[in-house]
Amino acid sequence: MSTLTDNLARTHQQIAQAKARFQAQQDVTLCAVSKAQPAAAIREAFQAGQTVFGENYLQEALQKQEALQDCAIAWHFIGPIQSNKTQPIALQFDWVHSVDRLKIAQRLSAARPPGREPLNVCLQVNISEEASKSGASARELLELALNIKQLPHLRLRGLMAIPAPQQDFDAQRDQFRQVRQLFEQLNTHGLQLDTLSIGMSGDYEAAIAEGATLVRIGTAIFGGRPPKPDSGSDSTTQGVL
């Protein structure tokens, strides 16, 4: 068994253990964050049974998708979205986790072909109110969600957040609890959200304890990432997943 395959199996096992430890009843999907990883590594993970992958950088992702057309992968876009990137994202991805403005949602909806399944989207909330991170504020969420719910080619699924890094487990849980409470508040307005995209390599156990249904894990599976070449407009300040 290769290191990558072993890491993947260990990560699935640790997710199952976290669910048992915190008596979590929800299903938890593992999204393998493959940014800056070669297509060969993604293929190896796919052959080991992983089908959901998350990418931050559009041009890099498009090249990998071309190389992996024979693999039945569910592609999730998890990076910041610029207006001029909405068309290829709407065409090439199954999920988008980082919608934080109505304008972006409208452009994604307009670019999604009518014959395709609606594009699954999550609203990104900046729960820690960090200036360096994308995301809507908590007070903006309800109006944004209600407007996006009306767009014809999108399916609003839930919330995504990247809280400020915390070493203390209880502090991690507290931040994720705030996201879960916002999620529950939105559902009191009939939105029928089902996805909490929270938790990364360093804090996914706390996220599972607070109701995560999808965790975005890269380093624990693929190891450290090689330096990313400067790609200009594809740069991001979203943090390390």
Protein backbone atom coordinates (compact mmCIF):
# COMPACT_ATOMS: atom_id res chain seq x y z
CA MET A 1 0.00 0.00 0.00
CA SER A 2 1.43 3.41 -0.96
CA THR A 3 1.80 6.30 1.47
CA LEU A 4 -1.05 8.21 -0.20
CA THR A 5 -3.38 5.22 -0.14
CA ASP A 6 -2.45 4.54 3.49
CA ASN A 7 -3.07 8.19 4.40
CA LEU A 8 -6.45 8.09 2.71
CA ALA A 9 -7.50 4.94 4.55
CA ARG A 10 -6.29 6.41 7.85
CA THR A 11 -8.25 9.61 7.26
CA HIS A 12 -11.47 7.69 6.59
CA GLN A 13 -10.84 5.66 9.74
CA GLN A 14 -10.28 8.80 11.82
CA ILE A 15 -13.49 10.34 10.49
CA ALA A 16 -15.38 7.22 11.54
CA GLN A 17 -13.72 7.30 14.96
CA ALA A 18 -14.62 10.98 15.43
CA LYS A 19 -18.25 10.23 14.54
CA ALA A 20 -18.33 7.45 17.10
CA ARG A 21 -16.59 9.52 19.79
CA PHE A 22 -19.04 12.40 19.50
CA GLN A 23 -22.06 10.25 18.69
CA ALA A 24 -22.50 12.14 15.42
CA GLN A 25 -25.46 10.80 13.47
CA GLN A 26 -24.87 12.68 10.21
CA ASP A 27 -23.14 11.24 7.17
CA VAL A 28 -19.75 12.88 6.60
CA THR A 29 -18.30 13.19 3.09
CA LEU A 30 -14.55 13.46 2.68
CA CYS A 31 -13.54 16.04 0.07
CA ALA A 32 -9.86 15.44 -0.77
CA VAL A 33 -8.31 18.85 -1.36
CA SER A 34 -5.96 18.30 -4.27
CA LYS A 35 -4.76 21.82 -5.03
CA ALA A 36 -1.10 21.90 -6.12
CA GLN A 37 -1.09 18.11 -6.38
CA PRO A 38 -0.41 16.41 -9.73
CA ALA A 39 -3.11 14.58 -11.65
CA ALA A 40 -1.25 11.31 -10.98
CA ALA A 41 -1.82 11.71 -7.23
CA ILE A 42 -5.52 12.34 -7.77
CA ARG A 43 -5.73 9.25 -10.00
CA GLU A 44 -4.05 7.16 -7.30
CA ALA A 45 -6.53 8.40 -4.69
CA PHE A 46 -9.42 7.76 -7.08
CA GLN A 47 -8.23 4.21 -7.70
CA ALA A 48 -8.20 3.76 -3.91
CA GLY A 49 -11.89 4.67 -3.80
CA GLN A 50 -11.90 8.46 -3.30
CA THR A 51 -14.34 10.17 -5.70
CA VAL A 52 -14.79 13.71 -4.29
CA PHE A 53 -11.99 16.22 -4.87
CA GLY A 54 -11.71 19.93 -4.11
CA GLU A 55 -9.73 22.45 -6.10
CA ASN A 56 -8.90 26.11 -5.35
CA TYR A 57 -7.23 27.27 -8.56
CA LEU A 58 -9.29 27.25 -11.73
CA GLN A 59 -6.64 26.93 -14.43
CA GLU A 60 -4.83 24.20 -12.52
CA ALA A 61 -8.10 22.36 -11.98
CA LEU A 62 -9.09 22.52 -15.65
CA GLN A 63 -5.80 20.90 -16.67
CA LYS A 64 -6.34 18.07 -14.17
CA GLN A 65 -9.92 17.55 -15.30
CA GLU A 66 -8.68 17.18 -18.86
CA ALA A 67 -6.13 14.58 -17.77
CA LEU A 68 -8.67 12.68 -15.65
CA GLN A 69 -11.68 12.59 -17.98
CA ASP A 70 -11.86 8.81 -17.63
CA CYS A 71 -12.37 9.05 -13.85
CA ALA A 72 -15.89 9.56 -12.47
CA ILE A 73 -14.86 12.36 -10.12
CA ALA A 74 -17.18 14.83 -8.40
CA TRP A 75 -15.31 18.14 -8.66
CA HIS A 76 -15.81 20.76 -5.94
CA PHE A 77 -14.56 24.32 -6.40
CA ILE A 78 -13.54 25.68 -3.00
CA GLY A 79 -11.49 28.80 -3.78
CA PRO A 80 -12.41 32.47 -4.15
CA ILE A 81 -14.41 33.21 -7.30
CA GLN A 82 -13.67 36.11 -9.61
CA SER A 83 -16.45 37.28 -11.91
CA ASN A 84 -14.52 36.37 -15.06
CA LYS A 85 -14.11 32.78 -13.85
CA THR A 86 -17.79 31.99 -13.28
CA GLN A 87 -18.49 30.51 -16.72
CA PRO A 88 -15.84 27.75 -16.66
CA ILE A 89 -16.62 27.01 -13.02
CA ALA A 90 -20.33 26.62 -13.82
CA LEU A 91 -19.49 24.36 -16.76
CA GLN A 92 -16.80 22.16 -15.21
CA PHE A 93 -17.71 21.69 -11.55
CA ASP A 94 -20.43 19.82 -9.68
CA TRP A 95 -20.22 21.90 -6.49
CA VAL A 96 -19.08 25.40 -5.53
CA HIS A 97 -18.42 26.05 -1.84
CA SER A 98 -17.30 29.65 -1.95
CA VAL A 99 -20.28 31.74 -3.06
CA ASP A 100 -20.40 34.93 -1.00
CA ARG A 101 -22.08 37.50 -3.26
CA LEU A 102 -25.34 37.54 -5.19
CA LYS A 103 -23.57 38.78 -8.33
CA ILE A 104 -21.37 35.67 -8.38
CA ALA A 105 -24.37 33.40 -7.84
CA GLN A 106 -26.29 35.09 -10.66
CA ARG A 107 -23.38 34.64 -13.04
CA LEU A 108 -22.98 30.99 -12.09
CA SER A 109 -26.67 30.37 -12.64
CA ALA A 110 -26.64 32.12 -16.01
CA ALA A 111 -23.63 30.09 -17.15
CA ARG A 112 -24.96 26.68 -16.05
CA PRO A 113 -26.45 24.92 -19.11
CA PRO A 114 -30.21 24.36 -18.70
CA GLY A 115 -29.89 20.67 -19.58
CA ARG A 116 -27.45 19.96 -16.76
CA GLU A 117 -28.28 19.19 -13.16
CA PRO A 118 -28.34 22.38 -11.09
CA LEU A 119 -24.97 23.45 -9.73
CA ASN A 120 -24.74 22.66 -6.02
CA VAL A 121 -23.61 25.71 -4.05
CA CYS A 122 -22.71 26.56 -0.48
CA LEU A 123 -22.57 30.07 0.93
CA GLN A 124 -19.24 30.94 2.45
CA VAL A 125 -19.55 32.74 5.77
CA ASN A 126 -16.64 34.65 7.28
CA ILE A 127 -17.40 33.51 10.82
CA SER A 128 -14.19 34.98 12.28
CA GLU A 129 -14.63 38.28 10.37
CA GLU A 130 -11.06 38.15 9.09
CA ALA A 131 -10.19 40.81 6.53
CA SER A 132 -7.90 38.36 4.71
CA LYS A 133 -10.66 35.84 4.00
CA SER A 134 -13.61 35.77 1.65
CA GLY A 135 -17.11 35.18 2.90
CA ALA A 136 -20.37 36.90 3.69
CA SER A 137 -20.98 38.21 7.17
CA ALA A 138 -23.49 36.46 9.40
CA ARG A 139 -25.92 39.37 9.11
CA GLU A 140 -25.92 39.12 5.29
CA LEU A 141 -26.63 35.41 5.08
CA LEU A 142 -30.42 35.24 5.20
CA GLU A 143 -31.06 37.79 2.46
CA LEU A 144 -28.31 36.29 0.32
CA ALA A 145 -29.65 32.75 0.80
CA LEU A 146 -33.24 33.71 -0.01
CA ASN A 147 -32.14 35.45 -3.21
CA ILE A 148 -29.91 32.59 -4.35
CA LYS A 149 -32.67 30.09 -3.63
CA GLN A 150 -34.66 31.69 -6.47
CA LEU A 151 -31.96 31.29 -9.13
CA PRO A 152 -33.00 28.65 -11.68
CA HIS A 153 -29.80 26.69 -12.29
CA LEU A 154 -28.38 26.54 -8.77
CA ARG A 155 -29.23 24.27 -5.85
CA LEU A 156 -28.47 25.93 -2.53
CA ARG A 157 -27.11 23.20 -0.26
CA GLY A 158 -25.64 24.85 2.82
CA LEU A 159 -22.79 26.80 4.39
CA MET A 160 -19.01 26.69 4.16
CA ALA A 161 -16.58 28.34 6.56
CA ILE A 162 -12.85 28.57 7.21
CA PRO A 163 -12.59 29.87 10.79
CA ALA A 164 -9.42 31.43 12.17
CA PRO A 165 -6.91 28.71 13.14
CA GLN A 166 -7.20 27.58 16.75
CA GLN A 167 -5.01 25.07 18.57
CA ASP A 168 -7.47 24.55 21.41
CA PHE A 169 -10.13 21.92 20.65
CA ASP A 170 -12.87 23.74 22.57
CA ALA A 171 -12.10 26.98 20.71
CA GLN A 172 -12.36 25.08 17.41
CA ARG A 173 -15.72 23.66 18.44
CA ASP A 174 -16.98 27.09 19.48
CA GLN A 175 -16.33 28.55 16.03
CA PHE A 176 -17.94 25.61 14.25
CA ARG A 177 -20.89 25.79 16.64
CA GLN A 178 -21.50 29.36 15.49
CA VAL A 179 -21.62 28.18 11.86
CA ARG A 180 -24.00 25.35 12.76
CA GLN A 181 -26.29 27.77 14.58
CA LEU A 182 -26.41 30.01 11.50
CA PHE A 183 -27.19 26.93 9.40
CA GLU A 184 -30.05 26.01 11.73
CA GLN A 185 -31.38 29.57 11.73
CA LEU A 186 -31.48 29.62 7.93
CA ASN A 187 -33.45 26.39 7.92
CA THR A 188 -36.14 27.95 10.08
CA HIS A 189 -36.93 30.02 6.97
CA GLY A 190 -37.71 26.94 4.89
CA LEU A 191 -34.42 26.79 2.99
CA GLN A 192 -33.97 23.01 3.53
CA LEU A 193 -30.18 23.17 3.65
CA ASP A 194 -28.38 19.85 4.13
CA THR A 195 -24.65 20.58 3.90
CA LEU A 196 -22.19 21.97 6.45
CA SER A 197 -18.80 22.20 4.72
CA ILE A 198 -16.56 22.79 7.74
CA GLY A 199 -13.36 21.24 9.00
CA MET A 200 -9.89 20.78 7.51
CA SER A 201 -6.81 18.69 8.30
CA GLY A 202 -6.16 20.38 11.66
CA ASP A 203 -9.68 20.69 13.02
CA TYR A 204 -12.03 18.26 11.30
CA GLU A 205 -12.74 16.29 14.47
CA ALA A 206 -14.13 19.44 16.13
CA ALA A 207 -16.14 20.13 12.98
CA ILE A 208 -17.65 16.64 13.03
CA ALA A 209 -18.56 17.13 16.69
CA GLU A 210 -20.52 20.22 15.63
CA GLY A 211 -22.37 18.65 12.73
CA ALA A 212 -20.08 18.80 9.69
CA THR A 213 -21.46 16.84 6.75
CA LEU A 214 -18.42 17.49 4.55
CA VAL A 215 -14.79 17.93 5.60
CA ARG A 216 -12.12 19.32 3.28
CA ILE A 217 -8.81 17.55 3.91
CA GLY A 218 -5.64 17.83 1.86
CA THR A 219 -2.38 17.70 3.81
CA ALA A 220 -3.36 14.65 5.87
CA ILE A 221 -3.94 12.73 2.63
CA PHE A 222 -1.41 14.08 0.13
CA GLY A 223 1.26 15.39 2.50
CA GLY A 224 2.88 18.78 2.06
CA ARG A 225 2.26 20.68 -1.15
CA PRO A 226 4.98 21.79 -3.52
CA PRO A 227 5.25 25.58 -3.92
CA LYS A 228 2.61 26.85 -6.32
CA PRO A 229 3.95 28.85 -9.27
CA ASP A 230 2.71 32.41 -9.40
CA SER A 231 -0.44 32.32 -11.52
CA GLY A 232 -1.53 35.92 -11.17
CA SER A 233 -5.32 36.11 -10.95
CA ASP A 234 -5.62 32.57 -9.58
CA SER A 235 -3.98 33.53 -6.28
CA THR A 236 -5.92 33.16 -3.05
CA THR A 237 -5.85 34.13 0.61
CA GLN A 238 -8.23 31.39 1.68
CA GLY A 239 -5.67 29.65 3.85
CA VAL A 240 -4.31 26.15 3.81
CA LEU A 241 -6.79 23.26 3.73
